[in-house]
Amino acid sequence: MPAQPRGRDVSLIIGGARSGKSRFAEGLATATGLPVAYVATARGDDAEMRERIARHRAERPASWTTIEVPLALSRAILTEAAPARVVLVDCLTLWLTNVMLGNLDVEHEADGLLAALGASAGPVVLVSNEVGYGIVPDNALARAFRDHQGRLNQRVAGLASRVTLVAAGLPLDLKLPKEAA
């Protein structure tokens, strides 16, 4: 594994499905007082997902810039991150799904993501699912996804200055910036 760059202002918000992690991440981004560039990684491949995407778009503040990036996440972070803007990525779980289903090299893409986070010019808040609490999946693709997601979360957490686990809408700080600790 290559050396990890140190993220200056990277926050990772993890939790289970419907745990409140996105709402917490949105509050964290808003609290910076900076304009928000919202990087959405979802793909509308079916009617239900297209409805979810439309609902999420409607719920976001009109002042936020939305960038839909199912795969080119590293480039989006490098392009959008700036000292006077916060980038909110929702979410790494869907991005990883897109990478795997696109038959891309997961480790190469993860390396690119970590490099982009380490080089980002401004604050970045990332949302990701914690997928390791459930049963062992019954098929190879699901097991590979769980393993890749767990490793990706660990790598991003190692780089991040802040890591917060959200469960039942309640945040638990696992790692805080040195000045806040």
C-alpha atoms as a PDB file:
ATOM      1  CA  MET A   1       0.000   0.000   0.000  1.00  0.00           C
ATOM      2  CA  PRO A   2       1.432   3.433  -0.942  1.00  0.00           C
ATOM      3  CA  ALA A   3       2.129   6.034   1.725  1.00  0.00           C
ATOM      4  CA  GLN A   4      -0.994   7.908   2.745  1.00  0.00           C
ATOM      5  CA  PRO A   5      -1.008  11.666   2.258  1.00  0.00           C
ATOM      6  CA  ARG A   6      -2.236  13.570   5.293  1.00  0.00           C
ATOM      7  CA  GLY A   7      -5.577  15.277   4.761  1.00  0.00           C
ATOM      8  CA  ARG A   8      -5.664  18.845   6.006  1.00  0.00           C
ATOM      9  CA  ASP A   9      -9.394  19.233   6.394  1.00  0.00           C
ATOM     10  CA  VAL A  10     -11.034  15.931   5.501  1.00  0.00           C
ATOM     11  CA  SER A  11     -14.007  14.627   7.484  1.00  0.00           C
ATOM     12  CA  LEU A  12     -15.389  11.100   7.117  1.00  0.00           C
ATOM     13  CA  ILE A  13     -18.926  10.477   8.312  1.00  0.00           C
ATOM     14  CA  ILE A  14     -19.786   6.776   8.539  1.00  0.00           C
ATOM     15  CA  GLY A  15     -22.822   4.832   9.659  1.00  0.00           C
ATOM     16  CA  GLY A  16     -25.445   2.358   8.589  1.00  0.00           C
ATOM     17  CA  ALA A  17     -28.245   2.892   6.108  1.00  0.00           C
ATOM     18  CA  ARG A  18     -30.699   5.567   7.279  1.00  0.00           C
ATOM     19  CA  SER A  19     -28.557   6.315  10.326  1.00  0.00           C
ATOM     20  CA  GLY A  20     -28.576  10.094   9.827  1.00  0.00           C
ATOM     21  CA  LYS A  21     -25.032  10.306   8.448  1.00  0.00           C
ATOM     22  CA  SER A  22     -25.971  12.413   5.401  1.00  0.00           C
ATOM     23  CA  ARG A  23     -27.942  14.881   7.509  1.00  0.00           C
ATOM     24  CA  PHE A  24     -25.012  15.164   9.913  1.00  0.00           C
ATOM     25  CA  ALA A  25     -22.555  15.671   7.026  1.00  0.00           C
ATOM     26  CA  GLU A  26     -24.807  18.349   5.515  1.00  0.00           C
ATOM     27  CA  GLY A  27     -24.882  20.144   8.876  1.00  0.00           C
ATOM     28  CA  LEU A  28     -21.101  19.925   9.126  1.00  0.00           C
ATOM     29  CA  ALA A  29     -20.701  21.406   5.634  1.00  0.00           C
ATOM     30  CA  THR A  30     -23.213  24.173   6.373  1.00  0.00           C
ATOM     31  CA  ALA A  31     -21.485  25.006   9.671  1.00  0.00           C
ATOM     32  CA  THR A  32     -18.310  25.974   7.804  1.00  0.00           C
ATOM     33  CA  GLY A  33     -20.156  29.041   6.504  1.00  0.00           C
ATOM     34  CA  LEU A  34     -18.650  28.354   3.083  1.00  0.00           C
ATOM     35  CA  PRO A  35     -20.475  27.736  -0.186  1.00  0.00           C
ATOM     36  CA  VAL A  36     -21.119  24.009  -0.664  1.00  0.00           C
ATOM     37  CA  ALA A  37     -20.261  21.935  -3.718  1.00  0.00           C
ATOM     38  CA  TYR A  38     -22.341  18.762  -3.332  1.00  0.00           C
ATOM     39  CA  VAL A  39     -20.798  15.826  -5.197  1.00  0.00           C
ATOM     40  CA  ALA A  40     -23.450  13.158  -5.766  1.00  0.00           C
ATOM     41  CA  THR A  41     -22.266   9.689  -6.761  1.00  0.00           C
ATOM     42  CA  ALA A  42     -25.642   7.959  -7.254  1.00  0.00           C
ATOM     43  CA  ARG A  43     -26.730   6.653 -10.641  1.00  0.00           C
ATOM     44  CA  GLY A  44     -30.386   6.649 -11.625  1.00  0.00           C
ATOM     45  CA  ASP A  45     -30.438   3.188 -13.144  1.00  0.00           C
ATOM     46  CA  ASP A  46     -34.038   2.409 -12.134  1.00  0.00           C
ATOM     47  CA  ALA A  47     -37.248   4.323 -11.402  1.00  0.00           C
ATOM     48  CA  GLU A  48     -36.950   4.052  -7.615  1.00  0.00           C
ATOM     49  CA  MET A  49     -33.385   5.418  -7.627  1.00  0.00           C
ATOM     50  CA  ARG A  50     -34.331   8.221 -10.025  1.00  0.00           C
ATOM     51  CA  GLU A  51     -37.124   9.166  -7.596  1.00  0.00           C
ATOM     52  CA  ARG A  52     -34.673   9.160  -4.659  1.00  0.00           C
ATOM     53  CA  ILE A  53     -32.238  11.357  -6.590  1.00  0.00           C
ATOM     54  CA  ALA A  54     -34.998  13.826  -7.490  1.00  0.00           C
ATOM     55  CA  ARG A  55     -36.154  13.970  -3.859  1.00  0.00           C
ATOM     56  CA  HIS A  56     -32.613  14.591  -2.622  1.00  0.00           C
ATOM     57  CA  ARG A  57     -32.067  17.331  -5.232  1.00  0.00           C
ATOM     58  CA  ALA A  58     -35.278  19.062  -4.110  1.00  0.00           C
ATOM     59  CA  GLU A  59     -34.252  18.886  -0.428  1.00  0.00           C
ATOM     60  CA  ARG A  60     -30.811  20.476  -0.916  1.00  0.00           C
ATOM     61  CA  PRO A  61     -30.470  24.231  -0.487  1.00  0.00           C
ATOM     62  CA  ALA A  62     -30.765  26.102  -3.802  1.00  0.00           C
ATOM     63  CA  SER A  63     -27.468  27.865  -3.045  1.00  0.00           C
ATOM     64  CA  TRP A  64     -25.530  24.581  -3.197  1.00  0.00           C
ATOM     65  CA  THR A  65     -23.841  23.579  -6.425  1.00  0.00           C
ATOM     66  CA  THR A  66     -24.549  19.962  -7.326  1.00  0.00           C
ATOM     67  CA  ILE A  67     -22.072  17.927  -9.342  1.00  0.00           C
ATOM     68  CA  GLU A  68     -23.178  14.430 -10.347  1.00  0.00           C
ATOM     69  CA  VAL A  69     -20.114  12.210 -10.573  1.00  0.00           C
ATOM     70  CA  PRO A  70     -20.710   8.457 -10.511  1.00  0.00           C
ATOM     71  CA  LEU A  71     -17.058   7.600 -11.272  1.00  0.00           C
ATOM     72  CA  ALA A  72     -14.637  10.549 -11.670  1.00  0.00           C
ATOM     73  CA  LEU A  73     -14.609  11.374  -7.956  1.00  0.00           C
ATOM     74  CA  SER A  74     -10.891  12.180  -7.659  1.00  0.00           C
ATOM     75  CA  ARG A  75     -11.112  14.701 -10.489  1.00  0.00           C
ATOM     76  CA  ALA A  76     -14.242  16.283  -8.979  1.00  0.00           C
ATOM     77  CA  ILE A  77     -12.542  16.744  -5.613  1.00  0.00           C
ATOM     78  CA  LEU A  78      -9.455  18.297  -7.187  1.00  0.00           C
ATOM     79  CA  THR A  79     -11.614  20.563  -9.373  1.00  0.00           C
ATOM     80  CA  GLU A  80     -14.151  21.649  -6.740  1.00  0.00           C
ATOM     81  CA  ALA A  81     -12.159  21.829  -3.499  1.00  0.00           C
ATOM     82  CA  ALA A  82     -11.073  25.378  -2.714  1.00  0.00           C
ATOM     83  CA  PRO A  83     -10.225  27.329   0.445  1.00  0.00           C
ATOM     84  CA  ALA A  84     -13.460  29.303   0.023  1.00  0.00           C
ATOM     85  CA  ARG A  85     -15.726  26.290  -0.667  1.00  0.00           C
ATOM     86  CA  VAL A  86     -16.485  22.997   1.083  1.00  0.00           C
ATOM     87  CA  VAL A  87     -16.975  19.818  -0.935  1.00  0.00           C
ATOM     88  CA  LEU A  88     -19.539  17.327   0.365  1.00  0.00           C
ATOM     89  CA  VAL A  89     -19.324  13.847  -1.202  1.00  0.00           C
ATOM     90  CA  ASP A  90     -22.385  11.644  -0.767  1.00  0.00           C
ATOM     91  CA  CYS A  91     -21.444   8.875  -0.875  1.00  0.00           C
ATOM     92  CA  LEU A  92     -18.351   6.684  -1.103  1.00  0.00           C
ATOM     93  CA  THR A  93     -20.488   3.546  -0.922  1.00  0.00           C
ATOM     94  CA  LEU A  94     -22.316   4.285  -4.174  1.00  0.00           C
ATOM     95  CA  TRP A  95     -19.077   5.452  -5.789  1.00  0.00           C
ATOM     96  CA  LEU A  96     -17.382   2.153  -4.904  1.00  0.00           C
ATOM     97  CA  THR A  97     -20.385   0.258  -6.267  1.00  0.00           C
ATOM     98  CA  ASN A  98     -20.043   2.175  -9.548  1.00  0.00           C
ATOM     99  CA  VAL A  99     -16.302   1.439  -9.672  1.00  0.00           C
ATOM    100  CA  MET A 100     -16.848  -2.281  -9.119  1.00  0.00           C
ATOM    101  CA  LEU A 101     -19.765  -2.607 -11.533  1.00  0.00           C
ATOM    102  CA  GLY A 102     -17.740  -0.668 -14.102  1.00  0.00           C
ATOM    103  CA  ASN A 103     -14.979  -3.294 -13.777  1.00  0.00           C
ATOM    104  CA  LEU A 104     -12.436  -0.629 -12.849  1.00  0.00           C
ATOM    105  CA  ASP A 105      -9.379  -1.366 -10.726  1.00  0.00           C
ATOM    106  CA  VAL A 106     -10.628  -0.694  -7.188  1.00  0.00           C
ATOM    107  CA  GLU A 107      -7.180  -0.210  -5.657  1.00  0.00           C
ATOM    108  CA  HIS A 108      -6.107   2.184  -8.417  1.00  0.00           C
ATOM    109  CA  GLU A 109      -9.299   4.231  -8.023  1.00  0.00           C
ATOM    110  CA  ALA A 110      -8.935   4.256  -4.228  1.00  0.00           C
ATOM    111  CA  ASP A 111      -5.303   5.391  -4.552  1.00  0.00           C
ATOM    112  CA  GLY A 112      -6.476   8.237  -6.788  1.00  0.00           C
ATOM    113  CA  LEU A 113      -9.159   9.226  -4.292  1.00  0.00           C
ATOM    114  CA  LEU A 114      -6.684   9.300  -1.393  1.00  0.00           C
ATOM    115  CA  ALA A 115      -4.222  11.342  -3.443  1.00  0.00           C
ATOM    116  CA  ALA A 116      -6.973  13.833  -4.354  1.00  0.00           C
ATOM    117  CA  LEU A 117      -8.021  14.151  -0.714  1.00  0.00           C
ATOM    118  CA  GLY A 118      -4.427  14.739   0.340  1.00  0.00           C
ATOM    119  CA  ALA A 119      -4.018  17.406  -2.342  1.00  0.00           C
ATOM    120  CA  SER A 120      -7.411  19.091  -1.917  1.00  0.00           C
ATOM    121  CA  ALA A 121      -7.233  22.851  -1.611  1.00  0.00           C
ATOM    122  CA  GLY A 122     -10.177  23.120   0.777  1.00  0.00           C
ATOM    123  CA  PRO A 123     -12.362  21.187   3.216  1.00  0.00           C
ATOM    124  CA  VAL A 124     -13.937  17.918   2.093  1.00  0.00           C
ATOM    125  CA  VAL A 125     -16.704  16.031   3.920  1.00  0.00           C
ATOM    126  CA  LEU A 126     -17.303  12.421   2.826  1.00  0.00           C
ATOM    127  CA  VAL A 127     -20.217  10.137   3.657  1.00  0.00           C
ATOM    128  CA  SER A 128     -19.768   6.357   3.649  1.00  0.00           C
ATOM    129  CA  ASN A 129     -21.649   3.328   4.881  1.00  0.00           C
ATOM    130  CA  GLU A 130     -20.204   1.102   7.569  1.00  0.00           C
ATOM    131  CA  VAL A 131     -20.924  -2.299   6.040  1.00  0.00           C
ATOM    132  CA  GLY A 132     -19.042  -4.589   8.407  1.00  0.00           C
ATOM    133  CA  TYR A 133     -21.728  -5.049  11.053  1.00  0.00           C
ATOM    134  CA  GLY A 134     -23.918  -7.489   9.138  1.00  0.00           C
ATOM    135  CA  ILE A 135     -23.731 -11.141   8.240  1.00  0.00           C
ATOM    136  CA  VAL A 136     -21.222 -12.505   5.754  1.00  0.00           C
ATOM    137  CA  PRO A 137     -22.823 -12.050   2.314  1.00  0.00           C
ATOM    138  CA  ASP A 138     -23.816 -15.189   0.447  1.00  0.00           C
ATOM    139  CA  ASN A 139     -22.164 -14.356  -2.877  1.00  0.00           C
ATOM    140  CA  ALA A 140     -18.679 -13.461  -4.085  1.00  0.00           C
ATOM    141  CA  LEU A 141     -19.532 -10.004  -5.461  1.00  0.00           C
ATOM    142  CA  ALA A 142     -21.202  -8.902  -2.218  1.00  0.00           C
ATOM    143  CA  ARG A 143     -18.298 -10.260  -0.151  1.00  0.00           C
ATOM    144  CA  ALA A 144     -15.778  -8.464  -2.381  1.00  0.00           C
ATOM    145  CA  PHE A 145     -17.794  -5.235  -2.046  1.00  0.00           C
ATOM    146  CA  ARG A 146     -17.898  -5.528   1.754  1.00  0.00           C
ATOM    147  CA  ASP A 147     -14.150  -6.141   1.874  1.00  0.00           C
ATOM    148  CA  HIS A 148     -13.317  -3.253  -0.478  1.00  0.00           C
ATOM    149  CA  GLN A 149     -15.659  -0.883   1.384  1.00  0.00           C
ATOM    150  CA  GLY A 150     -14.124  -1.783   4.736  1.00  0.00           C
ATOM    151  CA  ARG A 151     -10.600  -1.200   3.419  1.00  0.00           C
ATOM    152  CA  LEU A 152     -11.610   2.067   1.717  1.00  0.00           C
ATOM    153  CA  ASN A 153     -13.218   3.360   4.919  1.00  0.00           C
ATOM    154  CA  GLN A 154     -10.064   2.485   6.872  1.00  0.00           C
ATOM    155  CA  ARG A 155      -7.821   4.280   4.382  1.00  0.00           C
ATOM    156  CA  VAL A 156      -9.973   7.414   4.289  1.00  0.00           C
ATOM    157  CA  ALA A 157     -10.273   7.385   8.102  1.00  0.00           C
ATOM    158  CA  GLY A 158      -6.488   7.171   8.368  1.00  0.00           C
ATOM    159  CA  LEU A 159      -6.117  10.287   6.225  1.00  0.00           C
ATOM    160  CA  ALA A 160      -9.045  12.238   7.658  1.00  0.00           C
ATOM    161  CA  SER A 161      -8.659  14.783  10.413  1.00  0.00           C
ATOM    162  CA  ARG A 162     -12.197  13.984  11.658  1.00  0.00           C
ATOM    163  CA  VAL A 163     -14.135  10.699  11.673  1.00  0.00           C
ATOM    164  CA  THR A 164     -17.668  10.544  13.055  1.00  0.00           C
ATOM    165  CA  LEU A 165     -19.859   7.462  13.378  1.00  0.00           C
ATOM    166  CA  VAL A 166     -23.580   8.225  13.225  1.00  0.00           C
ATOM    167  CA  ALA A 167     -26.047   5.700  14.670  1.00  0.00           C
ATOM    168  CA  ALA A 168     -29.780   6.370  15.170  1.00  0.00           C
ATOM    169  CA  GLY A 169     -29.151  10.015  14.311  1.00  0.00           C
ATOM    170  CA  LEU A 170     -26.579  10.403  17.085  1.00  0.00           C
ATOM    171  CA  PRO A 171     -22.978  11.321  16.223  1.00  0.00           C
ATOM    172  CA  LEU A 172     -20.049   9.710  17.986  1.00  0.00           C
ATOM    173  CA  ASP A 173     -16.686  11.317  17.238  1.00  0.00           C
ATOM    174  CA  LEU A 174     -14.062   8.638  16.661  1.00  0.00           C
ATOM    175  CA  LYS A 175     -11.312  11.056  15.635  1.00  0.00           C
ATOM    176  CA  LEU A 176     -11.120  14.824  15.971  1.00  0.00           C
ATOM    177  CA  PRO A 177      -8.650  17.378  14.609  1.00  0.00           C
ATOM    178  CA  LYS A 178      -5.770  17.884  17.034  1.00  0.00           C
ATOM    179  CA  GLU A 179      -6.873  21.447  17.867  1.00  0.00           C
ATOM    180  CA  ALA A 180     -10.416  20.206  18.770  1.00  0.00           C
ATOM    181  CA  ALA A 181      -9.308  17.161  20.786  1.00  0.00           C
END
